[in-house]
Amino acid sequence: MSLLEGGIVIVGLALITLLTRGFFLFPDRELPIPEWLRQGLRYTPLAALAAVIAPEIMMADGQLVDTWRDARWPALAATTAWYVWRRGILGPIVAGTSVLLLFKLGLGW
């Protein structure tokens, strides 16, 4: 790819990004959204989070995890238990990471 082509690609991607991200900032009034769509959009962040985290926990090297000797399972259990116990953000992250490191470094999983 030449320098000119690379520049055209970068400028084009920047314009597309500006247009798509700024689309909701252009109108003067709020766009009407049907109630069924508004209700569905409430679950979008949770669905996106599940779509990112679930494959990371369930798969290794493109294959489903086929053993329980995987440090991610106890880390997931610790994270979930901490969240159920103390509803917060930092606690589950620290609990899950600590258990993951304990099993990875301590037990060699």
C-alpha atoms as a PDB file:
ATOM      1  CA  MET A   1       0.000   0.000   0.000  1.00  0.00           C
ATOM      2  CA  SER A   2       1.427   3.372  -0.929  1.00  0.00           C
ATOM      3  CA  LEU A   3       1.602   6.391   1.350  1.00  0.00           C
ATOM      4  CA  LEU A   4      -1.210   8.087  -0.582  1.00  0.00           C
ATOM      5  CA  GLU A   5      -3.486   5.044  -0.296  1.00  0.00           C
ATOM      6  CA  GLY A   6      -2.755   4.780   3.425  1.00  0.00           C
ATOM      7  CA  GLY A   7      -3.623   8.451   3.897  1.00  0.00           C
ATOM      8  CA  ILE A   8      -6.874   8.051   1.975  1.00  0.00           C
ATOM      9  CA  VAL A   9      -7.820   5.038   4.109  1.00  0.00           C
ATOM     10  CA  ILE A  10      -7.069   6.905   7.356  1.00  0.00           C
ATOM     11  CA  VAL A  11      -9.038  10.003   6.306  1.00  0.00           C
ATOM     12  CA  GLY A  12     -11.931   7.837   5.088  1.00  0.00           C
ATOM     13  CA  LEU A  13     -12.093   5.860   8.320  1.00  0.00           C
ATOM     14  CA  ALA A  14     -11.923   9.083  10.342  1.00  0.00           C
ATOM     15  CA  LEU A  15     -14.856  10.541   8.385  1.00  0.00           C
ATOM     16  CA  ILE A  16     -16.917   7.374   8.761  1.00  0.00           C
ATOM     17  CA  THR A  17     -16.195   7.303  12.495  1.00  0.00           C
ATOM     18  CA  LEU A  18     -17.119  10.975  12.890  1.00  0.00           C
ATOM     19  CA  LEU A  19     -20.343  10.486  10.964  1.00  0.00           C
ATOM     20  CA  THR A  20     -21.479   7.348  12.797  1.00  0.00           C
ATOM     21  CA  ARG A  21     -20.525   8.546  16.280  1.00  0.00           C
ATOM     22  CA  GLY A  22     -21.854  12.052  15.771  1.00  0.00           C
ATOM     23  CA  PHE A  23     -25.118  10.928  14.159  1.00  0.00           C
ATOM     24  CA  PHE A  24     -27.084  11.300  17.392  1.00  0.00           C
ATOM     25  CA  LEU A  25     -25.620  14.745  18.107  1.00  0.00           C
ATOM     26  CA  PHE A  26     -26.856  16.361  14.864  1.00  0.00           C
ATOM     27  CA  PRO A  27     -30.661  16.567  15.417  1.00  0.00           C
ATOM     28  CA  ASP A  28     -32.097  19.490  17.403  1.00  0.00           C
ATOM     29  CA  ARG A  29     -34.704  17.336  19.089  1.00  0.00           C
ATOM     30  CA  GLU A  30     -34.725  13.804  20.456  1.00  0.00           C
ATOM     31  CA  LEU A  31     -35.375  11.126  17.870  1.00  0.00           C
ATOM     32  CA  PRO A  32     -38.598   9.193  18.490  1.00  0.00           C
ATOM     33  CA  ILE A  33     -37.827   5.625  19.496  1.00  0.00           C
ATOM     34  CA  PRO A  34     -40.579   3.007  19.853  1.00  0.00           C
ATOM     35  CA  GLU A  35     -41.080   1.760  23.393  1.00  0.00           C
ATOM     36  CA  TRP A  36     -40.237  -1.850  22.455  1.00  0.00           C
ATOM     37  CA  LEU A  37     -36.870  -0.698  21.095  1.00  0.00           C
ATOM     38  CA  ARG A  38     -36.224   1.460  24.170  1.00  0.00           C
ATOM     39  CA  GLN A  39     -36.887  -1.576  26.406  1.00  0.00           C
ATOM     40  CA  GLY A  40     -34.592  -3.745  24.284  1.00  0.00           C
ATOM     41  CA  LEU A  41     -31.767  -1.200  24.396  1.00  0.00           C
ATOM     42  CA  ARG A  42     -31.740  -1.407  28.189  1.00  0.00           C
ATOM     43  CA  TYR A  43     -30.093  -4.829  27.884  1.00  0.00           C
ATOM     44  CA  THR A  44     -27.501  -3.832  25.284  1.00  0.00           C
ATOM     45  CA  PRO A  45     -24.584  -3.219  27.703  1.00  0.00           C
ATOM     46  CA  LEU A  46     -25.176  -6.564  29.441  1.00  0.00           C
ATOM     47  CA  ALA A  47     -25.394  -8.395  26.114  1.00  0.00           C
ATOM     48  CA  ALA A  48     -22.193  -6.750  24.868  1.00  0.00           C
ATOM     49  CA  LEU A  49     -20.378  -7.622  28.094  1.00  0.00           C
ATOM     50  CA  ALA A  50     -21.548 -11.233  27.905  1.00  0.00           C
ATOM     51  CA  ALA A  51     -20.493 -11.444  24.260  1.00  0.00           C
ATOM     52  CA  VAL A  52     -16.971 -10.348  25.185  1.00  0.00           C
ATOM     53  CA  ILE A  53     -16.501 -12.253  28.454  1.00  0.00           C
ATOM     54  CA  ALA A  54     -18.236 -15.580  27.716  1.00  0.00           C
ATOM     55  CA  PRO A  55     -15.875 -16.697  24.924  1.00  0.00           C
ATOM     56  CA  GLU A  56     -12.880 -15.645  27.007  1.00  0.00           C
ATOM     57  CA  ILE A  57     -14.004 -17.905  29.854  1.00  0.00           C
ATOM     58  CA  MET A  58     -15.411 -20.813  27.838  1.00  0.00           C
ATOM     59  CA  MET A  59     -12.755 -21.111  25.115  1.00  0.00           C
ATOM     60  CA  ALA A  60      -8.997 -21.571  24.859  1.00  0.00           C
ATOM     61  CA  ASP A  61      -7.158 -21.454  21.532  1.00  0.00           C
ATOM     62  CA  GLY A  62     -10.441 -21.426  19.614  1.00  0.00           C
ATOM     63  CA  GLN A  63     -11.733 -24.612  21.276  1.00  0.00           C
ATOM     64  CA  LEU A  64     -14.144 -25.123  24.148  1.00  0.00           C
ATOM     65  CA  VAL A  65     -12.392 -25.730  27.462  1.00  0.00           C
ATOM     66  CA  ASP A  66     -12.594 -29.474  28.079  1.00  0.00           C
ATOM     67  CA  THR A  67     -11.135 -29.673  31.584  1.00  0.00           C
ATOM     68  CA  TRP A  68     -11.965 -28.301  34.997  1.00  0.00           C
ATOM     69  CA  ARG A  69      -8.250 -27.665  35.600  1.00  0.00           C
ATOM     70  CA  ASP A  70      -8.492 -24.162  34.237  1.00  0.00           C
ATOM     71  CA  ALA A  71      -7.755 -21.185  36.484  1.00  0.00           C
ATOM     72  CA  ARG A  72     -10.558 -19.160  34.899  1.00  0.00           C
ATOM     73  CA  TRP A  73     -13.286 -21.315  36.463  1.00  0.00           C
ATOM     74  CA  PRO A  74     -12.331 -20.715  40.124  1.00  0.00           C
ATOM     75  CA  ALA A  75     -11.663 -17.043  39.290  1.00  0.00           C
ATOM     76  CA  LEU A  76     -15.150 -16.773  37.809  1.00  0.00           C
ATOM     77  CA  ALA A  77     -16.638 -18.417  40.913  1.00  0.00           C
ATOM     78  CA  ALA A  78     -14.741 -16.046  43.218  1.00  0.00           C
ATOM     79  CA  THR A  79     -15.772 -13.020  41.178  1.00  0.00           C
ATOM     80  CA  THR A  80     -19.415 -14.041  41.172  1.00  0.00           C
ATOM     81  CA  ALA A  81     -19.418 -14.877  44.895  1.00  0.00           C
ATOM     82  CA  TRP A  82     -17.833 -11.547  45.796  1.00  0.00           C
ATOM     83  CA  TYR A  83     -20.320  -9.631  43.653  1.00  0.00           C
ATOM     84  CA  VAL A  84     -23.301 -11.438  45.188  1.00  0.00           C
ATOM     85  CA  TRP A  85     -21.885 -10.819  48.668  1.00  0.00           C
ATOM     86  CA  ARG A  86     -20.822  -7.160  48.382  1.00  0.00           C
ATOM     87  CA  ARG A  87     -22.301  -5.599  45.195  1.00  0.00           C
ATOM     88  CA  GLY A  88     -19.482  -3.474  43.890  1.00  0.00           C
ATOM     89  CA  ILE A  89     -17.056  -3.067  41.021  1.00  0.00           C
ATOM     90  CA  LEU A  90     -13.566  -3.148  42.474  1.00  0.00           C
ATOM     91  CA  GLY A  91     -14.099  -6.077  44.874  1.00  0.00           C
ATOM     92  CA  PRO A  92     -15.024  -8.674  42.239  1.00  0.00           C
ATOM     93  CA  ILE A  93     -12.136  -7.566  40.021  1.00  0.00           C
ATOM     94  CA  VAL A  94      -9.639  -7.930  42.862  1.00  0.00           C
ATOM     95  CA  ALA A  95     -11.134 -11.248  44.029  1.00  0.00           C
ATOM     96  CA  GLY A  96     -11.178 -12.780  40.557  1.00  0.00           C
ATOM     97  CA  THR A  97      -7.690 -11.581  39.669  1.00  0.00           C
ATOM     98  CA  SER A  98      -6.284 -12.811  42.991  1.00  0.00           C
ATOM     99  CA  VAL A  99      -7.767 -16.279  42.557  1.00  0.00           C
ATOM    100  CA  LEU A 100      -6.640 -16.405  38.922  1.00  0.00           C
ATOM    101  CA  LEU A 101      -3.060 -15.542  39.914  1.00  0.00           C
ATOM    102  CA  LEU A 102      -3.146 -18.000  42.810  1.00  0.00           C
ATOM    103  CA  PHE A 103      -4.172 -20.861  40.544  1.00  0.00           C
ATOM    104  CA  LYS A 104      -1.936 -19.863  37.604  1.00  0.00           C
ATOM    105  CA  LEU A 105       1.232 -19.066  39.544  1.00  0.00           C
ATOM    106  CA  GLY A 106       0.690 -21.086  42.697  1.00  0.00           C
ATOM    107  CA  LEU A 107      -0.738 -24.316  41.279  1.00  0.00           C
ATOM    108  CA  GLY A 108       0.485 -24.001  37.696  1.00  0.00           C
ATOM    109  CA  TRP A 109      -2.950 -24.337  36.109  1.00  0.00           C
END
